[in-house]
């Protein structure tokens, strides 16, 4: 059993627990999941969630994901590029990651 198979099984178990309302994924857990998906896409070329990630392109802070996860830019550098505070960049990065994880989760539940 390889790492991806274990991850898939764990995700299915967590989804099932959430469906039964025995477990509730908070925003921090969703952020971690979404950040991992974004990092794997932008840095590692993992296209598992490509469509879902590309659907976020209409968001004004979408480029933050690529700059941060793909190109390794710091929040400070990205904030400078956007002309906003690091807090604004961090907040919007988190919002997009949470949204990504929620949409992937909901899509998986619908199947």
Foldseek 3Di string as FASTA:
>chain_A
DDPVVVVVVVLVVQLVCVVVVVDDDDLVNLLVQLLVVLLCCQAVVDCPLVVLLVVCVVPPLSVLSNCCNRVVDDLCVVCVVVVHDSVVNVVVSSVSSSVSSVVVSVVVVVD
